[in-house]
Amino acid sequence: MALQDTLKAISDPVRREILAMLKDGRKAAGEIAEKFDMTFATVSYHLKLLKKAELIDECREKNFIYYSLNTSVFEEIMVWAAGFMKTTAKDEPEENGESEIK
């Protein structure tokens, strides 16, 4: 996963809405497209960027293409973002080396 591709993909509100739609399970490309007031080609472009960022997976069945979330990429993003969290006093070891057990 290229973090730059991932951040670019989730920066767009349409793509975030597509991701939210896929939280409930896989959806056919047509199901996704019908929720938006834009051409199928435009929706296809958004799906392409989400695939490039590996945020979604594609599965072809007969004449349909189904999309689903790739949750492992979301886990990687969360781990990366967690690295910026400031630790609190309760997370830091006590200075005297002793910990209080209750």
PDB file of N, CA and C in Angstrom:
ATOM      1  N   MET A   1       0.846  -1.181   0.000  1.00  0.00           N
ATOM      2  CA  MET A   1       0.000   0.000   0.000  1.00  0.00           C
ATOM      3  C   MET A   1       0.884   1.234   0.000  1.00  0.00           C
ATOM      4  N   ALA A   2       0.593   2.167  -0.872  1.00  0.00           N
ATOM      5  CA  ALA A   2       1.265   3.451  -0.855  1.00  0.00           C
ATOM      6  C   ALA A   2       0.378   4.406  -0.057  1.00  0.00           C
ATOM      7  N   LEU A   3       0.912   4.893   1.036  1.00  0.00           N
ATOM      8  CA  LEU A   3       0.130   5.761   1.913  1.00  0.00           C
ATOM      9  C   LEU A   3      -0.400   6.976   1.159  1.00  0.00           C
ATOM     10  N   GLN A   4       0.397   7.497   0.240  1.00  0.00           N
ATOM     11  CA  GLN A   4      -0.036   8.663  -0.535  1.00  0.00           C
ATOM     12  C   GLN A   4      -1.297   8.344  -1.333  1.00  0.00           C
ATOM     13  N   ASP A   5      -1.348   7.159  -1.946  1.00  0.00           N
ATOM     14  CA  ASP A   5      -2.545   6.765  -2.702  1.00  0.00           C
ATOM     15  C   ASP A   5      -3.749   6.614  -1.785  1.00  0.00           C
ATOM     16  N   THR A   6      -3.507   6.057  -0.613  1.00  0.00           N
ATOM     17  CA  THR A   6      -4.599   5.847   0.343  1.00  0.00           C
ATOM     18  C   THR A   6      -5.178   7.177   0.812  1.00  0.00           C
ATOM     19  N   LEU A   7      -4.303   8.089   1.199  1.00  0.00           N
ATOM     20  CA  LEU A   7      -4.779   9.390   1.681  1.00  0.00           C
ATOM     21  C   LEU A   7      -5.481  10.171   0.577  1.00  0.00           C
ATOM     22  N   LYS A   8      -4.966  10.074  -0.652  1.00  0.00           N
ATOM     23  CA  LYS A   8      -5.623  10.743  -1.779  1.00  0.00           C
ATOM     24  C   LYS A   8      -7.012  10.153  -1.996  1.00  0.00           C
ATOM     25  N   ALA A   9      -7.102   8.828  -1.907  1.00  0.00           N
ATOM     26  CA  ALA A   9      -8.382   8.160  -2.151  1.00  0.00           C
ATOM     27  C   ALA A   9      -9.432   8.561  -1.120  1.00  0.00           C
ATOM     28  N   ILE A  10      -9.044   8.639   0.149  1.00  0.00           N
ATOM     29  CA  ILE A  10     -10.040   8.949   1.181  1.00  0.00           C
ATOM     30  C   ILE A  10     -10.273  10.450   1.340  1.00  0.00           C
ATOM     31  N   SER A  11      -9.532  11.259   0.586  1.00  0.00           N
ATOM     32  CA  SER A  11      -9.726  12.712   0.691  1.00  0.00           C
ATOM     33  C   SER A  11     -10.981  13.186  -0.030  1.00  0.00           C
ATOM     34  N   ASP A  12     -11.517  12.374  -0.906  1.00  0.00           N
ATOM     35  CA  ASP A  12     -12.682  12.769  -1.697  1.00  0.00           C
ATOM     36  C   ASP A  12     -13.978  12.297  -1.033  1.00  0.00           C
ATOM     37  N   PRO A  13     -14.967  13.178  -0.885  1.00  0.00           N
ATOM     38  CA  PRO A  13     -16.215  12.796  -0.211  1.00  0.00           C
ATOM     39  C   PRO A  13     -16.995  11.697  -0.944  1.00  0.00           C
ATOM     40  N   VAL A  14     -16.948  11.653  -2.258  1.00  0.00           N
ATOM     41  CA  VAL A  14     -17.650  10.596  -3.000  1.00  0.00           C
ATOM     42  C   VAL A  14     -17.022   9.242  -2.679  1.00  0.00           C
ATOM     43  N   ARG A  15     -15.699   9.185  -2.665  1.00  0.00           N
ATOM     44  CA  ARG A  15     -15.027   7.924  -2.362  1.00  0.00           C
ATOM     45  C   ARG A  15     -15.263   7.502  -0.914  1.00  0.00           C
ATOM     46  N   ARG A  16     -15.325   8.468  -0.006  1.00  0.00           N
ATOM     47  CA  ARG A  16     -15.643   8.115   1.383  1.00  0.00           C
ATOM     48  C   ARG A  16     -17.057   7.564   1.487  1.00  0.00           C
ATOM     49  N   GLU A  17     -17.975   8.106   0.694  1.00  0.00           N
ATOM     50  CA  GLU A  17     -19.347   7.607   0.703  1.00  0.00           C
ATOM     51  C   GLU A  17     -19.415   6.182   0.137  1.00  0.00           C
ATOM     52  N   ILE A  18     -18.635   5.915  -0.889  1.00  0.00           N
ATOM     53  CA  ILE A  18     -18.568   4.558  -1.441  1.00  0.00           C
ATOM     54  C   ILE A  18     -18.046   3.595  -0.379  1.00  0.00           C
ATOM     55  N   LEU A  19     -16.995   3.989   0.324  1.00  0.00           N
ATOM     56  CA  LEU A  19     -16.449   3.139   1.388  1.00  0.00           C
ATOM     57  C   LEU A  19     -17.497   2.882   2.473  1.00  0.00           C
ATOM     58  N   ALA A  20     -18.244   3.916   2.830  1.00  0.00           N
ATOM     59  CA  ALA A  20     -19.294   3.764   3.844  1.00  0.00           C
ATOM     60  C   ALA A  20     -20.373   2.796   3.362  1.00  0.00           C
ATOM     61  N   MET A  21     -20.706   2.852   2.083  1.00  0.00           N
ATOM     62  CA  MET A  21     -21.700   1.940   1.521  1.00  0.00           C
ATOM     63  C   MET A  21     -21.231   0.487   1.635  1.00  0.00           C
ATOM     64  N   LEU A  22     -19.948   0.270   1.484  1.00  0.00           N
ATOM     65  CA  LEU A  22     -19.406  -1.081   1.490  1.00  0.00           C
ATOM     66  C   LEU A  22     -19.216  -1.650   2.899  1.00  0.00           C
ATOM     67  N   LYS A  23     -19.440  -0.820   3.928  1.00  0.00           N
ATOM     68  CA  LYS A  23     -19.351  -1.321   5.304  1.00  0.00           C
ATOM     69  C   LYS A  23     -20.363  -2.437   5.548  1.00  0.00           C
ATOM     70  N   ASP A  24     -21.500  -2.361   4.879  1.00  0.00           N
ATOM     71  CA  ASP A  24     -22.575  -3.333   5.072  1.00  0.00           C
ATOM     72  C   ASP A  24     -22.377  -4.605   4.254  1.00  0.00           C
ATOM     73  N   GLY A  25     -21.343  -4.659   3.459  1.00  0.00           N
ATOM     74  CA  GLY A  25     -21.087  -5.840   2.635  1.00  0.00           C
ATOM     75  C   GLY A  25     -20.857  -5.455   1.189  1.00  0.00           C
ATOM     76  N   ARG A  26     -20.512  -6.455   0.403  1.00  0.00           N
ATOM     77  CA  ARG A  26     -20.164  -6.190  -0.991  1.00  0.00           C
ATOM     78  C   ARG A  26     -21.358  -5.682  -1.784  1.00  0.00           C
ATOM     79  N   LYS A  27     -21.039  -4.901  -2.801  1.00  0.00           N
ATOM     80  CA  LYS A  27     -22.077  -4.326  -3.649  1.00  0.00           C
ATOM     81  C   LYS A  27     -21.618  -4.404  -5.101  1.00  0.00           C
ATOM     82  N   ALA A  28     -22.579  -4.578  -5.984  1.00  0.00           N
ATOM     83  CA  ALA A  28     -22.297  -4.567  -7.415  1.00  0.00           C
ATOM     84  C   ALA A  28     -22.017  -3.134  -7.854  1.00  0.00           C
ATOM     85  N   ALA A  29     -21.245  -3.001  -8.909  1.00  0.00           N
ATOM     86  CA  ALA A  29     -20.911  -1.674  -9.427  1.00  0.00           C
ATOM     87  C   ALA A  29     -22.172  -0.869  -9.730  1.00  0.00           C
ATOM     88  N   GLY A  30     -23.185  -1.516 -10.294  1.00  0.00           N
ATOM     89  CA  GLY A  30     -24.434  -0.832 -10.611  1.00  0.00           C
ATOM     90  C   GLY A  30     -25.161  -0.320  -9.372  1.00  0.00           C
ATOM     91  N   GLU A  31     -25.127  -1.108  -8.294  1.00  0.00           N
ATOM     92  CA  GLU A  31     -25.739  -0.679  -7.030  1.00  0.00           C
ATOM     93  C   GLU A  31     -25.060   0.580  -6.508  1.00  0.00           C
ATOM     94  N   ILE A  32     -23.755   0.611  -6.619  1.00  0.00           N
ATOM     95  CA  ILE A  32     -22.997   1.775  -6.153  1.00  0.00           C
ATOM     96  C   ILE A  32     -23.320   2.985  -7.021  1.00  0.00           C
ATOM     97  N   ALA A  33     -23.302   2.790  -8.334  1.00  0.00           N
ATOM     98  CA  ALA A  33     -23.513   3.898  -9.270  1.00  0.00           C
ATOM     99  C   ALA A  33     -24.893   4.524  -9.133  1.00  0.00           C
ATOM    100  N   GLU A  34     -25.908   3.716  -8.838  1.00  0.00           N
ATOM    101  CA  GLU A  34     -27.267   4.258  -8.770  1.00  0.00           C
ATOM    102  C   GLU A  34     -27.469   5.196  -7.583  1.00  0.00           C
ATOM    103  N   LYS A  35     -26.580   5.198  -6.627  1.00  0.00           N
ATOM    104  CA  LYS A  35     -26.699   6.063  -5.449  1.00  0.00           C
ATOM    105  C   LYS A  35     -26.176   7.474  -5.709  1.00  0.00           C
ATOM    106  N   PHE A  36     -25.551   7.669  -6.873  1.00  0.00           N
ATOM    107  CA  PHE A  36     -24.932   8.964  -7.161  1.00  0.00           C
ATOM    108  C   PHE A  36     -25.549   9.593  -8.398  1.00  0.00           C
ATOM    109  N   ASP A  37     -25.570  10.919  -8.400  1.00  0.00           N
ATOM    110  CA  ASP A  37     -26.066  11.667  -9.551  1.00  0.00           C
ATOM    111  C   ASP A  37     -24.874  12.036 -10.432  1.00  0.00           C
ATOM    112  N   MET A  38     -24.260  10.995 -11.015  1.00  0.00           N
ATOM    113  CA  MET A  38     -23.114  11.195 -11.898  1.00  0.00           C
ATOM    114  C   MET A  38     -23.077  10.037 -12.881  1.00  0.00           C
ATOM    115  N   THR A  39     -22.288  10.188 -13.928  1.00  0.00           N
ATOM    116  CA  THR A  39     -22.219   9.140 -14.932  1.00  0.00           C
ATOM    117  C   THR A  39     -21.554   7.891 -14.360  1.00  0.00           C
ATOM    118  N   PHE A  40     -21.843   6.760 -14.993  1.00  0.00           N
ATOM    119  CA  PHE A  40     -21.220   5.513 -14.563  1.00  0.00           C
ATOM    120  C   PHE A  40     -19.706   5.596 -14.735  1.00  0.00           C
ATOM    121  N   ALA A  41     -19.255   6.300 -15.769  1.00  0.00           N
ATOM    122  CA  ALA A  41     -17.815   6.458 -16.000  1.00  0.00           C
ATOM    123  C   ALA A  41     -17.147   7.190 -14.837  1.00  0.00           C
ATOM    124  N   THR A  42     -17.816   8.168 -14.278  1.00  0.00           N
ATOM    125  CA  THR A  42     -17.266   8.908 -13.143  1.00  0.00           C
ATOM    126  C   THR A  42     -17.204   8.028 -11.907  1.00  0.00           C
ATOM    127  N   VAL A  43     -18.251   7.262 -11.664  1.00  0.00           N
ATOM    128  CA  VAL A  43     -18.244   6.336 -10.529  1.00  0.00           C
ATOM    129  C   VAL A  43     -17.144   5.299 -10.733  1.00  0.00           C
ATOM    130  N   SER A  44     -16.981   4.824 -11.947  1.00  0.00           N
ATOM    131  CA  SER A  44     -15.935   3.853 -12.274  1.00  0.00           C
ATOM    132  C   SER A  44     -14.550   4.424 -11.979  1.00  0.00           C
ATOM    133  N   TYR A  45     -14.355   5.697 -12.270  1.00  0.00           N
ATOM    134  CA  TYR A  45     -13.085   6.371 -11.971  1.00  0.00           C
ATOM    135  C   TYR A  45     -12.814   6.357 -10.460  1.00  0.00           C
ATOM    136  N   HIS A  46     -13.835   6.663  -9.665  1.00  0.00           N
ATOM    137  CA  HIS A  46     -13.679   6.661  -8.211  1.00  0.00           C
ATOM    138  C   HIS A  46     -13.351   5.247  -7.705  1.00  0.00           C
ATOM    139  N   LEU A  47     -14.024   4.250  -8.262  1.00  0.00           N
ATOM    140  CA  LEU A  47     -13.745   2.864  -7.880  1.00  0.00           C
ATOM    141  C   LEU A  47     -12.317   2.469  -8.248  1.00  0.00           C
ATOM    142  N   LYS A  48     -11.861   2.948  -9.383  1.00  0.00           N
ATOM    143  CA  LYS A  48     -10.490   2.660  -9.834  1.00  0.00           C
ATOM    144  C   LYS A  48      -9.465   3.211  -8.838  1.00  0.00           C
ATOM    145  N   LEU A  49      -9.694   4.433  -8.363  1.00  0.00           N
ATOM    146  CA  LEU A  49      -8.763   5.033  -7.400  1.00  0.00           C
ATOM    147  C   LEU A  49      -8.797   4.293  -6.062  1.00  0.00           C
ATOM    148  N   LEU A  50      -9.975   3.852  -5.648  1.00  0.00           N
ATOM    149  CA  LEU A  50     -10.077   3.079  -4.405  1.00  0.00           C
ATOM    150  C   LEU A  50      -9.369   1.731  -4.543  1.00  0.00           C
ATOM    151  N   LYS A  51      -9.459   1.116  -5.724  1.00  0.00           N
ATOM    152  CA  LYS A  51      -8.750  -0.135  -5.963  1.00  0.00           C
ATOM    153  C   LYS A  51      -7.242   0.084  -5.978  1.00  0.00           C
ATOM    154  N   LYS A  52      -6.810   1.166  -6.622  1.00  0.00           N
ATOM    155  CA  LYS A  52      -5.376   1.476  -6.689  1.00  0.00           C
ATOM    156  C   LYS A  52      -4.798   1.641  -5.282  1.00  0.00           C
ATOM    157  N   ALA A  53      -5.576   2.237  -4.402  1.00  0.00           N
ATOM    158  CA  ALA A  53      -5.147   2.436  -3.018  1.00  0.00           C
ATOM    159  C   ALA A  53      -5.348   1.173  -2.180  1.00  0.00           C
ATOM    160  N   GLU A  54      -5.868   0.122  -2.806  1.00  0.00           N
ATOM    161  CA  GLU A  54      -6.119  -1.167  -2.158  1.00  0.00           C
ATOM    162  C   GLU A  54      -7.130  -1.077  -1.005  1.00  0.00           C
ATOM    163  N   LEU A  55      -7.991  -0.073  -1.066  1.00  0.00           N
ATOM    164  CA  LEU A  55      -9.036   0.080  -0.050  1.00  0.00           C
ATOM    165  C   LEU A  55     -10.229  -0.813  -0.333  1.00  0.00           C
ATOM    166  N   ILE A  56     -10.391  -1.216  -1.596  1.00  0.00           N
ATOM    167  CA  ILE A  56     -11.473  -2.120  -1.961  1.00  0.00           C
ATOM    168  C   ILE A  56     -10.920  -3.256  -2.812  1.00  0.00           C
ATOM    169  N   ASP A  57     -11.649  -4.360  -2.792  1.00  0.00           N
ATOM    170  CA  ASP A  57     -11.344  -5.511  -3.636  1.00  0.00           C
ATOM    171  C   ASP A  57     -12.444  -5.643  -4.668  1.00  0.00           C
ATOM    172  N   GLU A  58     -12.087  -6.255  -5.794  1.00  0.00           N
ATOM    173  CA  GLU A  58     -13.031  -6.462  -6.889  1.00  0.00           C
ATOM    174  C   GLU A  58     -13.178  -7.952  -7.144  1.00  0.00           C
ATOM    175  N   CYS A  59     -14.408  -8.388  -7.347  1.00  0.00           N
ATOM    176  CA  CYS A  59     -14.686  -9.793  -7.639  1.00  0.00           C
ATOM    177  C   CYS A  59     -15.658  -9.844  -8.815  1.00  0.00           C
ATOM    178  N   ARG A  60     -15.259 -10.540  -9.866  1.00  0.00           N
ATOM    179  CA  ARG A  60     -16.126 -10.662 -11.049  1.00  0.00           C
ATOM    180  C   ARG A  60     -16.902 -11.971 -10.975  1.00  0.00           C
ATOM    181  N   GLU A  61     -18.218 -11.865 -11.157  1.00  0.00           N
ATOM    182  CA  GLU A  61     -19.089 -13.034 -11.210  1.00  0.00           C
ATOM    183  C   GLU A  61     -20.038 -12.865 -12.383  1.00  0.00           C
ATOM    184  N   LYS A  62     -19.879 -13.717 -13.376  1.00  0.00           N
ATOM    185  CA  LYS A  62     -20.653 -13.660 -14.608  1.00  0.00           C
ATOM    186  C   LYS A  62     -20.550 -12.256 -15.210  1.00  0.00           C
ATOM    187  N   ASN A  63     -21.648 -11.549 -15.326  1.00  0.00           N
ATOM    188  CA  ASN A  63     -21.635 -10.213 -15.943  1.00  0.00           C
ATOM    189  C   ASN A  63     -21.564  -9.084 -14.928  1.00  0.00           C
ATOM    190  N   PHE A  64     -21.276  -9.404 -13.674  1.00  0.00           N
ATOM    191  CA  PHE A  64     -21.286  -8.395 -12.624  1.00  0.00           C
ATOM    192  C   PHE A  64     -19.907  -8.263 -11.980  1.00  0.00           C
ATOM    193  N   ILE A  65     -19.618  -7.061 -11.524  1.00  0.00           N
ATOM    194  CA  ILE A  65     -18.408  -6.805 -10.745  1.00  0.00           C
ATOM    195  C   ILE A  65     -18.865  -6.366  -9.361  1.00  0.00           C
ATOM    196  N   TYR A  66     -18.378  -7.059  -8.356  1.00  0.00           N
ATOM    197  CA  TYR A  66     -18.726  -6.745  -6.977  1.00  0.00           C
ATOM    198  C   TYR A  66     -17.514  -6.150  -6.276  1.00  0.00           C
ATOM    199  N   TYR A  67     -17.791  -5.180  -5.408  1.00  0.00           N
ATOM    200  CA  TYR A  67     -16.731  -4.520  -4.647  1.00  0.00           C
ATOM    201  C   TYR A  67     -16.957  -4.745  -3.163  1.00  0.00           C
ATOM    202  N   SER A  68     -15.862  -4.895  -2.435  1.00  0.00           N
ATOM    203  CA  SER A  68     -15.929  -5.045  -0.979  1.00  0.00           C
ATOM    204  C   SER A  68     -14.728  -4.335  -0.355  1.00  0.00           C
ATOM    205  N   LEU A  69     -14.850  -4.035   0.928  1.00  0.00           N
ATOM    206  CA  LEU A  69     -13.773  -3.350   1.647  1.00  0.00           C
ATOM    207  C   LEU A  69     -12.587  -4.280   1.869  1.00  0.00           C
ATOM    208  N   ASN A  70     -11.407  -3.706   1.814  1.00  0.00           N
ATOM    209  CA  ASN A  70     -10.186  -4.411   2.199  1.00  0.00           C
ATOM    210  C   ASN A  70      -9.801  -3.844   3.561  1.00  0.00           C
ATOM    211  N   THR A  71     -10.255  -4.482   4.615  1.00  0.00           N
ATOM    212  CA  THR A  71     -10.083  -3.923   5.956  1.00  0.00           C
ATOM    213  C   THR A  71      -8.638  -3.914   6.429  1.00  0.00           C
ATOM    214  N   SER A  72      -7.780  -4.728   5.844  1.00  0.00           N
ATOM    215  CA  SER A  72      -6.379  -4.746   6.288  1.00  0.00           C
ATOM    216  C   SER A  72      -5.705  -3.397   6.037  1.00  0.00           C
ATOM    217  N   VAL A  73      -6.081  -2.706   4.976  1.00  0.00           N
ATOM    218  CA  VAL A  73      -5.502  -1.387   4.704  1.00  0.00           C
ATOM    219  C   VAL A  73      -5.969  -0.388   5.759  1.00  0.00           C
ATOM    220  N   PHE A  74      -7.218  -0.484   6.184  1.00  0.00           N
ATOM    221  CA  PHE A  74      -7.717   0.402   7.234  1.00  0.00           C
ATOM    222  C   PHE A  74      -6.971   0.155   8.545  1.00  0.00           C
ATOM    223  N   GLU A  75      -6.652  -1.093   8.822  1.00  0.00           N
ATOM    224  CA  GLU A  75      -5.878  -1.416  10.026  1.00  0.00           C
ATOM    225  C   GLU A  75      -4.489  -0.786   9.957  1.00  0.00           C
ATOM    226  N   GLU A  76      -3.850  -0.841   8.786  1.00  0.00           N
ATOM    227  CA  GLU A  76      -2.532  -0.226   8.607  1.00  0.00           C
ATOM    228  C   GLU A  76      -2.596   1.287   8.808  1.00  0.00           C
ATOM    229  N   ILE A  77      -3.656   1.914   8.297  1.00  0.00           N
ATOM    230  CA  ILE A  77      -3.822   3.363   8.458  1.00  0.00           C
ATOM    231  C   ILE A  77      -3.968   3.705   9.939  1.00  0.00           C
ATOM    232  N   MET A  78      -4.750   2.898  10.660  1.00  0.00           N
ATOM    233  CA  MET A  78      -4.970   3.164  12.084  1.00  0.00           C
ATOM    234  C   MET A  78      -3.674   3.018  12.877  1.00  0.00           C
ATOM    235  N   VAL A  79      -2.875   2.022  12.553  1.00  0.00           N
ATOM    236  CA  VAL A  79      -1.590   1.845  13.235  1.00  0.00           C
ATOM    237  C   VAL A  79      -0.680   3.032  12.944  1.00  0.00           C
ATOM    238  N   TRP A  80      -0.643   3.462  11.688  1.00  0.00           N
ATOM    239  CA  TRP A  80       0.179   4.613  11.316  1.00  0.00           C
ATOM    240  C   TRP A  80      -0.282   5.871  12.063  1.00  0.00           C
ATOM    241  N   ALA A  81      -1.597   6.125  12.069  1.00  0.00           N
ATOM    242  CA  ALA A  81      -2.133   7.317  12.727  1.00  0.00           C
ATOM    243  C   ALA A  81      -1.927   7.264  14.232  1.00  0.00           C
ATOM    244  N   ALA A  82      -2.005   6.077  14.809  1.00  0.00           N
ATOM    245  CA  ALA A  82      -1.825   5.931  16.257  1.00  0.00           C
ATOM    246  C   ALA A  82      -0.422   6.349  16.679  1.00  0.00           C
ATOM    247  N   GLY A  83       0.528   6.286  15.779  1.00  0.00           N
ATOM    248  CA  GLY A  83       1.889   6.712  16.082  1.00  0.00           C
ATOM    249  C   GLY A  83       1.992   8.199  16.392  1.00  0.00           C
ATOM    250  N   PHE A  84       0.969   8.959  16.069  1.00  0.00           N
ATOM    251  CA  PHE A  84       0.964  10.395  16.328  1.00  0.00           C
ATOM    252  C   PHE A  84       0.233  10.767  17.612  1.00  0.00           C
ATOM    253  N   MET A  85      -0.345   9.763  18.260  1.00  0.00           N
ATOM    254  CA  MET A  85      -1.089  10.025  19.488  1.00  0.00           C
ATOM    255  C   MET A  85      -0.118  10.324  20.620  1.00  0.00           C
ATOM    256  N   LYS A  86      -0.462  11.301  21.401  1.00  0.00           N
ATOM    257  CA  LYS A  86       0.346  11.672  22.556  1.00  0.00           C
ATOM    258  C   LYS A  86       0.011  10.725  23.706  1.00  0.00           C
ATOM    259  N   THR A  87       1.041  10.237  24.372  1.00  0.00           N
ATOM    260  CA  THR A  87       0.776   9.356  25.508  1.00  0.00           C
ATOM    261  C   THR A  87       0.326  10.183  26.702  1.00  0.00           C
ATOM    262  N   THR A  88      -0.477   9.571  27.533  1.00  0.00           N
ATOM    263  CA  THR A  88      -0.947  10.247  28.738  1.00  0.00           C
ATOM    264  C   THR A  88      -0.124   9.787  29.924  1.00  0.00           C
ATOM    265  N   ALA A  89      -0.265  10.457  31.029  1.00  0.00           N
ATOM    266  CA  ALA A  89       0.503  10.134  32.228  1.00  0.00           C
ATOM    267  C   ALA A  89       0.246   8.699  32.679  1.00  0.00           C
ATOM    268  N   LYS A  90      -0.974   8.207  32.529  1.00  0.00           N
ATOM    269  CA  LYS A  90      -1.264   6.849  32.987  1.00  0.00           C
ATOM    270  C   LYS A  90      -0.612   5.804  32.087  1.00  0.00           C
ATOM    271  N   ASP A  91      -0.248   6.192  30.848  1.00  0.00           N
ATOM    272  CA  ASP A  91       0.408   5.255  29.938  1.00  0.00           C
ATOM    273  C   ASP A  91       1.918   5.185  30.165  1.00  0.00           C
ATOM    274  N   GLU A  92       2.475   6.185  30.853  1.00  0.00           N
ATOM    275  CA  GLU A  92       3.913   6.245  31.064  1.00  0.00           C
ATOM    276  C   GLU A  92       4.282   5.513  32.352  1.00  0.00           C
ATOM    277  N   PRO A  93       5.445   4.855  32.380  1.00  0.00           N
ATOM    278  CA  PRO A  93       5.874   4.191  33.607  1.00  0.00           C
ATOM    279  C   PRO A  93       6.185   5.206  34.700  1.00  0.00           C
ATOM    280  N   GLU A  94       5.980   4.771  35.935  1.00  0.00           N
ATOM    281  CA  GLU A  94       6.271   5.673  37.054  1.00  0.00           C
ATOM    282  C   GLU A  94       7.773   5.885  37.157  1.00  0.00           C
ATOM    283  N   GLU A  95       8.167   7.063  37.628  1.00  0.00           N
ATOM    284  CA  GLU A  95       9.567   7.426  37.681  1.00  0.00           C
ATOM    285  C   GLU A  95      10.372   6.566  38.663  1.00  0.00           C
ATOM    286  N   ASN A  96       9.767   6.126  39.749  1.00  0.00           N
ATOM    287  CA  ASN A  96      10.510   5.353  40.739  1.00  0.00           C
ATOM    288  C   ASN A  96      10.599   3.874  40.365  1.00  0.00           C
ATOM    289  N   GLY A  97      10.068   3.510  39.193  1.00  0.00           N
ATOM    290  CA  GLY A  97      10.165   2.141  38.721  1.00  0.00           C
ATOM    291  C   GLY A  97       9.140   1.200  39.326  1.00  0.00           C
ATOM    292  N   GLU A  98       8.322   1.692  40.238  1.00  0.00           N
ATOM    293  CA  GLU A  98       7.315   0.853  40.856  1.00  0.00           C
ATOM    294  C   GLU A  98       5.968   1.121  40.217  1.00  0.00           C
ATOM    295  N   SER A  99       5.206   0.097  40.089  1.00  0.00           N
ATOM    296  CA  SER A  99       3.858   0.292  39.593  1.00  0.00           C
ATOM    297  C   SER A  99       2.885  -0.069  40.698  1.00  0.00           C
ATOM    298  N   GLU A 100       1.816   0.652  40.731  1.00  0.00           N
ATOM    299  CA  GLU A 100       0.813   0.430  41.773  1.00  0.00           C
ATOM    300  C   GLU A 100      -0.193  -0.597  41.307  1.00  0.00           C
ATOM    301  N   ILE A 101      -0.361  -1.650  42.055  1.00  0.00           N
ATOM    302  CA  ILE A 101      -1.342  -2.686  41.715  1.00  0.00           C
ATOM    303  C   ILE A 101      -2.501  -2.564  42.681  1.00  0.00           C
ATOM    304  N   LYS A 102      -3.693  -2.519  42.147  1.00  0.00           N
ATOM    305  CA  LYS A 102      -4.899  -2.385  42.964  1.00  0.00           C
ATOM    306  C   LYS A 102      -5.703  -3.623  42.868  1.00  0.00           C
TER     307      LYS A 102
END
